[in-house]
Amino acid sequence: MKTDIKNRADIEKLVDVFYGKVREDAAISCFFNDVAKVNWENHLPTMCDFFENILLSSGNYEGNPMDAHEKLHKKSEVKVEHFQHWIVLFDTTVDELFVGAKAEEIKQRATNIAAAMMHKAHR
């Protein structure tokens, strides 16, 4: 039975499953694997910190995701459809794993963040 997102362990589960899909996704994996050459061992804990901070106000994330994505966009154009695909993949993963207010909140926050990044990249 699915439950809501409650703690760091739930965030880690979401991040691991989601980015496992991203790494294999035909539409967007190239941005992570080829363009940014993401070190997944370092990136996944950072993403856990990021999502834990925005959802559970942990205060344990320091970084500038807008800057990182702007640098990526300069190397290889991230199109609107790539952002939209990321959102669908994220929402689908959340829905597969969790149900509840925090699950809905993380989807909304991820959509808002992606929209802000999309806007900045395409202005």
N, C-alpha and C. Protein backbone atom coordinates (compact mmCIF):
# COMPACT_ATOMS: atom_id res chain seq x y z
N MET A 1 0.84 -1.19 0.00
CA MET A 1 0.00 0.00 0.00
C MET A 1 0.88 1.25 0.00
N LYS A 2 0.54 2.19 -0.86
CA LYS A 2 1.31 3.43 -0.96
C LYS A 2 0.98 4.35 0.22
N THR A 3 2.00 5.09 0.66
CA THR A 3 1.82 6.10 1.70
C THR A 3 2.32 7.43 1.16
N ASP A 4 2.19 8.46 1.95
CA ASP A 4 2.68 9.78 1.57
C ASP A 4 4.19 9.86 1.81
N ILE A 5 4.82 10.87 1.28
CA ILE A 5 6.24 11.13 1.52
C ILE A 5 6.36 11.72 2.92
N LYS A 6 7.16 11.05 3.76
CA LYS A 6 7.22 11.45 5.16
C LYS A 6 8.60 11.88 5.63
N ASN A 7 9.66 11.39 4.97
CA ASN A 7 11.00 11.60 5.53
C ASN A 7 12.07 11.46 4.45
N ARG A 8 13.32 11.56 4.89
CA ARG A 8 14.47 11.48 3.98
C ARG A 8 14.49 10.14 3.23
N ALA A 9 14.17 9.07 3.90
CA ALA A 9 14.17 7.76 3.25
C ALA A 9 13.19 7.73 2.08
N ASP A 10 12.04 8.35 2.24
CA ASP A 10 11.07 8.41 1.14
C ASP A 10 11.60 9.25 -0.01
N ILE A 11 12.25 10.35 0.31
CA ILE A 11 12.86 11.20 -0.73
C ILE A 11 13.93 10.41 -1.47
N GLU A 12 14.77 9.68 -0.73
CA GLU A 12 15.82 8.88 -1.36
C GLU A 12 15.23 7.84 -2.30
N LYS A 13 14.16 7.20 -1.90
CA LYS A 13 13.49 6.22 -2.74
C LYS A 13 13.00 6.87 -4.03
N LEU A 14 12.34 8.02 -3.90
CA LEU A 14 11.85 8.74 -5.07
C LEU A 14 13.00 9.13 -6.00
N VAL A 15 14.04 9.72 -5.45
CA VAL A 15 15.18 10.17 -6.26
C VAL A 15 15.85 8.99 -6.95
N ASP A 16 16.07 7.91 -6.24
CA ASP A 16 16.73 6.74 -6.83
C ASP A 16 15.91 6.15 -7.98
N VAL A 17 14.62 5.99 -7.77
CA VAL A 17 13.77 5.41 -8.82
C VAL A 17 13.66 6.38 -10.00
N PHE A 18 13.41 7.65 -9.70
CA PHE A 18 13.24 8.63 -10.77
C PHE A 18 14.50 8.77 -11.62
N TYR A 19 15.64 9.00 -10.98
CA TYR A 19 16.86 9.19 -11.76
C TYR A 19 17.36 7.89 -12.39
N GLY A 20 16.94 6.75 -11.86
CA GLY A 20 17.18 5.49 -12.55
C GLY A 20 16.48 5.48 -13.90
N LYS A 21 15.26 6.00 -13.93
CA LYS A 21 14.51 6.12 -15.19
C LYS A 21 15.16 7.16 -16.10
N VAL A 22 15.55 8.29 -15.54
CA VAL A 22 16.16 9.37 -16.33
C VAL A 22 17.41 8.86 -17.04
N ARG A 23 18.23 8.11 -16.33
CA ARG A 23 19.49 7.62 -16.89
C ARG A 23 19.28 6.77 -18.13
N GLU A 24 18.10 6.14 -18.23
CA GLU A 24 17.81 5.24 -19.34
C GLU A 24 16.85 5.84 -20.36
N ASP A 25 16.34 7.03 -20.10
CA ASP A 25 15.28 7.60 -20.92
C ASP A 25 15.81 8.11 -22.26
N ALA A 26 15.20 7.66 -23.34
CA ALA A 26 15.67 8.01 -24.68
C ALA A 26 15.60 9.52 -24.96
N ALA A 27 14.65 10.21 -24.37
CA ALA A 27 14.45 11.62 -24.68
C ALA A 27 15.36 12.56 -23.90
N ILE A 28 15.72 12.21 -22.67
CA ILE A 28 16.47 13.18 -21.85
C ILE A 28 17.76 12.64 -21.22
N SER A 29 18.04 11.36 -21.33
CA SER A 29 19.25 10.83 -20.68
C SER A 29 20.52 11.47 -21.23
N CYS A 30 20.51 11.87 -22.49
CA CYS A 30 21.71 12.46 -23.09
C CYS A 30 22.16 13.72 -22.36
N PHE A 31 21.22 14.50 -21.84
CA PHE A 31 21.59 15.73 -21.13
C PHE A 31 22.36 15.41 -19.85
N PHE A 32 22.00 14.33 -19.21
CA PHE A 32 22.64 13.94 -17.96
C PHE A 32 23.92 13.14 -18.22
N ASN A 33 23.83 12.15 -19.11
CA ASN A 33 24.93 11.22 -19.32
C ASN A 33 26.01 11.76 -20.25
N ASP A 34 25.60 12.47 -21.30
CA ASP A 34 26.55 12.88 -22.33
C ASP A 34 26.96 14.34 -22.23
N VAL A 35 26.00 15.23 -22.04
CA VAL A 35 26.29 16.67 -22.03
C VAL A 35 26.88 17.08 -20.68
N ALA A 36 26.15 16.84 -19.61
CA ALA A 36 26.62 17.24 -18.28
C ALA A 36 27.60 16.23 -17.70
N LYS A 37 27.59 15.02 -18.22
CA LYS A 37 28.45 13.95 -17.71
C LYS A 37 28.33 13.84 -16.18
N VAL A 38 27.08 13.68 -15.75
CA VAL A 38 26.75 13.65 -14.33
C VAL A 38 27.48 12.51 -13.62
N ASN A 39 28.09 12.84 -12.51
CA ASN A 39 28.64 11.84 -11.60
C ASN A 39 27.49 11.46 -10.68
N TRP A 40 26.86 10.33 -10.99
CA TRP A 40 25.63 9.95 -10.30
C TRP A 40 25.86 9.72 -8.81
N GLU A 41 27.02 9.24 -8.45
CA GLU A 41 27.32 8.99 -7.03
C GLU A 41 27.25 10.29 -6.23
N ASN A 42 27.64 11.40 -6.85
CA ASN A 42 27.57 12.71 -6.19
C ASN A 42 26.22 13.39 -6.41
N HIS A 43 25.65 13.20 -7.58
CA HIS A 43 24.44 13.92 -7.95
C HIS A 43 23.22 13.46 -7.15
N LEU A 44 23.08 12.17 -6.94
CA LEU A 44 21.89 11.66 -6.27
C LEU A 44 21.74 12.17 -4.84
N PRO A 45 22.80 12.17 -4.01
CA PRO A 45 22.65 12.77 -2.68
C PRO A 45 22.31 14.26 -2.73
N THR A 46 22.85 14.96 -3.72
CA THR A 46 22.53 16.38 -3.88
C THR A 46 21.06 16.56 -4.21
N MET A 47 20.54 15.71 -5.08
CA MET A 47 19.12 15.78 -5.44
C MET A 47 18.25 15.42 -4.24
N CYS A 48 18.69 14.48 -3.43
CA CYS A 48 17.95 14.15 -2.20
C CYS A 48 17.92 15.37 -1.28
N ASP A 49 19.07 16.02 -1.11
CA ASP A 49 19.11 17.23 -0.28
C ASP A 49 18.17 18.29 -0.83
N PHE A 50 18.19 18.49 -2.15
CA PHE A 50 17.36 19.50 -2.80
C PHE A 50 15.88 19.24 -2.56
N PHE A 51 15.43 18.02 -2.87
CA PHE A 51 14.00 17.72 -2.72
C PHE A 51 13.58 17.65 -1.26
N GLU A 52 14.47 17.18 -0.40
CA GLU A 52 14.15 17.16 1.04
C GLU A 52 13.99 18.59 1.55
N ASN A 53 14.82 19.49 1.06
CA ASN A 53 14.73 20.89 1.49
C ASN A 53 13.44 21.54 1.00
N ILE A 54 13.09 21.33 -0.27
CA ILE A 54 11.89 22.02 -0.78
C ILE A 54 10.60 21.42 -0.24
N LEU A 55 10.63 20.12 0.11
CA LEU A 55 9.40 19.48 0.59
C LEU A 55 9.30 19.46 2.11
N LEU A 56 10.42 19.23 2.79
CA LEU A 56 10.39 19.04 4.24
C LEU A 56 11.15 20.14 4.99
N SER A 57 11.58 21.17 4.26
CA SER A 57 12.29 22.33 4.84
C SER A 57 13.46 21.91 5.72
N SER A 58 14.28 21.02 5.20
CA SER A 58 15.42 20.50 5.97
C SER A 58 16.54 21.51 6.13
N GLY A 59 16.67 22.43 5.16
CA GLY A 59 17.75 23.41 5.21
C GLY A 59 19.11 22.82 4.88
N ASN A 60 19.15 21.61 4.34
CA ASN A 60 20.43 20.96 4.09
C ASN A 60 20.90 21.04 2.64
N TYR A 61 20.28 21.91 1.84
CA TYR A 61 20.71 22.06 0.44
C TYR A 61 21.32 23.43 0.24
N GLU A 62 22.51 23.42 -0.32
CA GLU A 62 23.16 24.66 -0.73
C GLU A 62 23.57 24.48 -2.18
N GLY A 63 23.06 25.30 -3.02
CA GLY A 63 23.38 25.20 -4.43
C GLY A 63 22.52 26.13 -5.23
N ASN A 64 22.79 26.18 -6.51
CA ASN A 64 22.03 27.03 -7.40
C ASN A 64 21.61 26.21 -8.62
N PRO A 65 20.46 25.55 -8.54
CA PRO A 65 20.04 24.72 -9.67
C PRO A 65 19.79 25.52 -10.95
N MET A 66 19.39 26.76 -10.80
CA MET A 66 19.15 27.59 -11.99
C MET A 66 20.46 27.79 -12.75
N ASP A 67 21.53 28.06 -12.04
CA ASP A 67 22.83 28.27 -12.65
C ASP A 67 23.31 27.00 -13.34
N ALA A 68 23.17 25.87 -12.67
CA ALA A 68 23.61 24.59 -13.25
C ALA A 68 22.85 24.29 -14.54
N HIS A 69 21.55 24.54 -14.55
CA HIS A 69 20.76 24.26 -15.74
C HIS A 69 21.01 25.27 -16.86
N GLU A 70 21.35 26.49 -16.49
CA GLU A 70 21.68 27.49 -17.50
C GLU A 70 22.98 27.09 -18.22
N LYS A 71 23.96 26.60 -17.47
CA LYS A 71 25.21 26.13 -18.07
C LYS A 71 24.96 24.95 -19.00
N LEU A 72 24.10 24.04 -18.59
CA LEU A 72 23.75 22.89 -19.41
C LEU A 72 23.09 23.35 -20.71
N HIS A 73 22.15 24.28 -20.59
CA HIS A 73 21.42 24.78 -21.75
C HIS A 73 22.37 25.44 -22.75
N LYS A 74 23.42 26.09 -22.26
CA LYS A 74 24.40 26.71 -23.17
C LYS A 74 25.20 25.67 -23.94
N LYS A 75 25.40 24.50 -23.34
CA LYS A 75 26.14 23.42 -24.01
C LYS A 75 25.27 22.70 -25.03
N SER A 76 24.02 22.48 -24.68
CA SER A 76 23.09 21.76 -25.56
C SER A 76 21.68 22.24 -25.22
N GLU A 77 20.99 22.77 -26.22
CA GLU A 77 19.69 23.37 -25.97
C GLU A 77 18.71 22.37 -25.35
N VAL A 78 18.19 22.75 -24.20
CA VAL A 78 17.14 21.98 -23.55
C VAL A 78 15.82 22.62 -23.99
N LYS A 79 15.06 21.89 -24.77
CA LYS A 79 13.84 22.44 -25.35
C LYS A 79 12.66 22.28 -24.39
N VAL A 80 11.61 23.01 -24.67
CA VAL A 80 10.40 22.96 -23.85
C VAL A 80 9.90 21.52 -23.72
N GLU A 81 9.93 20.78 -24.81
CA GLU A 81 9.44 19.40 -24.74
C GLU A 81 10.31 18.52 -23.84
N HIS A 82 11.58 18.86 -23.68
CA HIS A 82 12.43 18.10 -22.74
C HIS A 82 11.99 18.37 -21.30
N PHE A 83 11.74 19.64 -21.00
CA PHE A 83 11.24 19.97 -19.65
C PHE A 83 9.91 19.28 -19.39
N GLN A 84 9.03 19.32 -20.36
CA GLN A 84 7.71 18.71 -20.21
C GLN A 84 7.83 17.20 -20.01
N HIS A 85 8.75 16.58 -20.73
CA HIS A 85 8.97 15.15 -20.58
C HIS A 85 9.49 14.83 -19.18
N TRP A 86 10.42 15.66 -18.69
CA TRP A 86 10.96 15.48 -17.34
C TRP A 86 9.82 15.53 -16.32
N ILE A 87 8.92 16.49 -16.47
CA ILE A 87 7.79 16.64 -15.54
C ILE A 87 6.89 15.40 -15.57
N VAL A 88 6.56 14.91 -16.76
CA VAL A 88 5.71 13.72 -16.86
C VAL A 88 6.39 12.52 -16.20
N LEU A 89 7.67 12.35 -16.46
CA LEU A 89 8.42 11.23 -15.86
C LEU A 89 8.46 11.37 -14.33
N PHE A 90 8.67 12.59 -13.84
CA PHE A 90 8.71 12.82 -12.40
C PHE A 90 7.35 12.53 -11.77
N ASP A 91 6.30 13.11 -12.34
CA ASP A 91 4.95 12.91 -11.80
C ASP A 91 4.55 11.44 -11.81
N THR A 92 4.85 10.75 -12.89
CA THR A 92 4.53 9.33 -12.99
C THR A 92 5.25 8.53 -11.91
N THR A 93 6.51 8.86 -11.67
CA THR A 93 7.29 8.17 -10.64
C THR A 93 6.71 8.43 -9.25
N VAL A 94 6.39 9.68 -8.96
CA VAL A 94 5.77 10.00 -7.67
C VAL A 94 4.48 9.20 -7.50
N ASP A 95 3.64 9.19 -8.53
CA ASP A 95 2.36 8.48 -8.45
C ASP A 95 2.53 6.97 -8.29
N GLU A 96 3.58 6.41 -8.86
CA GLU A 96 3.85 4.97 -8.71
C GLU A 96 4.22 4.61 -7.28
N LEU A 97 4.89 5.55 -6.59
CA LEU A 97 5.47 5.24 -5.28
C LEU A 97 4.67 5.76 -4.09
N PHE A 98 3.99 6.91 -4.26
CA PHE A 98 3.40 7.60 -3.12
C PHE A 98 2.00 8.12 -3.43
N VAL A 99 1.28 8.42 -2.35
CA VAL A 99 -0.03 9.05 -2.46
C VAL A 99 -0.21 9.94 -1.24
N GLY A 100 -0.76 11.13 -1.45
CA GLY A 100 -1.02 12.01 -0.32
C GLY A 100 -0.65 13.45 -0.60
N ALA A 101 -0.82 14.29 0.40
CA ALA A 101 -0.61 15.74 0.26
C ALA A 101 0.83 16.09 -0.11
N LYS A 102 1.80 15.46 0.54
CA LYS A 102 3.21 15.75 0.24
C LYS A 102 3.58 15.26 -1.16
N ALA A 103 3.02 14.13 -1.57
CA ALA A 103 3.26 13.64 -2.92
C ALA A 103 2.74 14.65 -3.95
N GLU A 104 1.55 15.18 -3.71
CA GLU A 104 1.01 16.20 -4.62
C GLU A 104 1.84 17.48 -4.56
N GLU A 105 2.28 17.84 -3.37
CA GLU A 105 3.09 19.05 -3.22
C GLU A 105 4.41 18.94 -3.97
N ILE A 106 5.09 17.80 -3.87
CA ILE A 106 6.38 17.68 -4.55
C ILE A 106 6.21 17.72 -6.07
N LYS A 107 5.11 17.18 -6.56
CA LYS A 107 4.85 17.26 -8.00
C LYS A 107 4.63 18.72 -8.42
N GLN A 108 3.87 19.46 -7.63
CA GLN A 108 3.60 20.86 -7.96
C GLN A 108 4.87 21.70 -7.88
N ARG A 109 5.66 21.46 -6.85
CA ARG A 109 6.91 22.22 -6.72
C ARG A 109 7.88 21.90 -7.85
N ALA A 110 7.98 20.63 -8.22
CA ALA A 110 8.86 20.24 -9.33
C ALA A 110 8.39 20.89 -10.64
N THR A 111 7.08 20.92 -10.85
CA THR A 111 6.53 21.57 -12.04
C THR A 111 6.86 23.05 -12.05
N ASN A 112 6.70 23.71 -10.90
CA ASN A 112 7.01 25.14 -10.82
C ASN A 112 8.49 25.42 -11.07
N ILE A 113 9.35 24.60 -10.52
CA ILE A 113 10.79 24.77 -10.71
C ILE A 113 11.15 24.55 -12.18
N ALA A 114 10.61 23.49 -12.77
CA ALA A 114 10.87 23.23 -14.19
C ALA A 114 10.36 24.38 -15.05
N ALA A 115 9.21 24.93 -14.72
CA ALA A 115 8.66 26.06 -15.48
C ALA A 115 9.57 27.28 -15.37
N ALA A 116 10.11 27.53 -14.19
CA ALA A 116 11.02 28.66 -14.02
C ALA A 116 12.31 28.44 -14.82
N MET A 117 12.82 27.23 -14.80
CA MET A 117 14.02 26.93 -15.56
C MET A 117 13.75 27.04 -17.06
N MET A 118 12.61 26.55 -17.49
CA MET A 118 12.21 26.61 -18.89
C MET A 118 12.11 28.08 -19.33
N HIS A 119 11.49 28.89 -18.51
CA HIS A 119 11.34 30.31 -18.82
C HIS A 119 12.71 30.98 -18.93
N LYS A 120 13.58 30.71 -17.99
CA LYS A 120 14.90 31.33 -18.01
C LYS A 120 15.71 30.88 -19.22
N ALA A 121 15.60 29.60 -19.57
CA ALA A 121 16.35 29.07 -20.69
C ALA A 121 15.86 29.61 -22.03
N HIS A 122 14.60 29.99 -22.09
CA HIS A 122 14.02 30.38 -23.38
C HIS A 122 13.59 31.85 -23.43
N ARG A 123 14.27 32.67 -22.70
CA ARG A 123 13.93 34.10 -22.76
C ARG A 123 14.81 34.83 -23.73
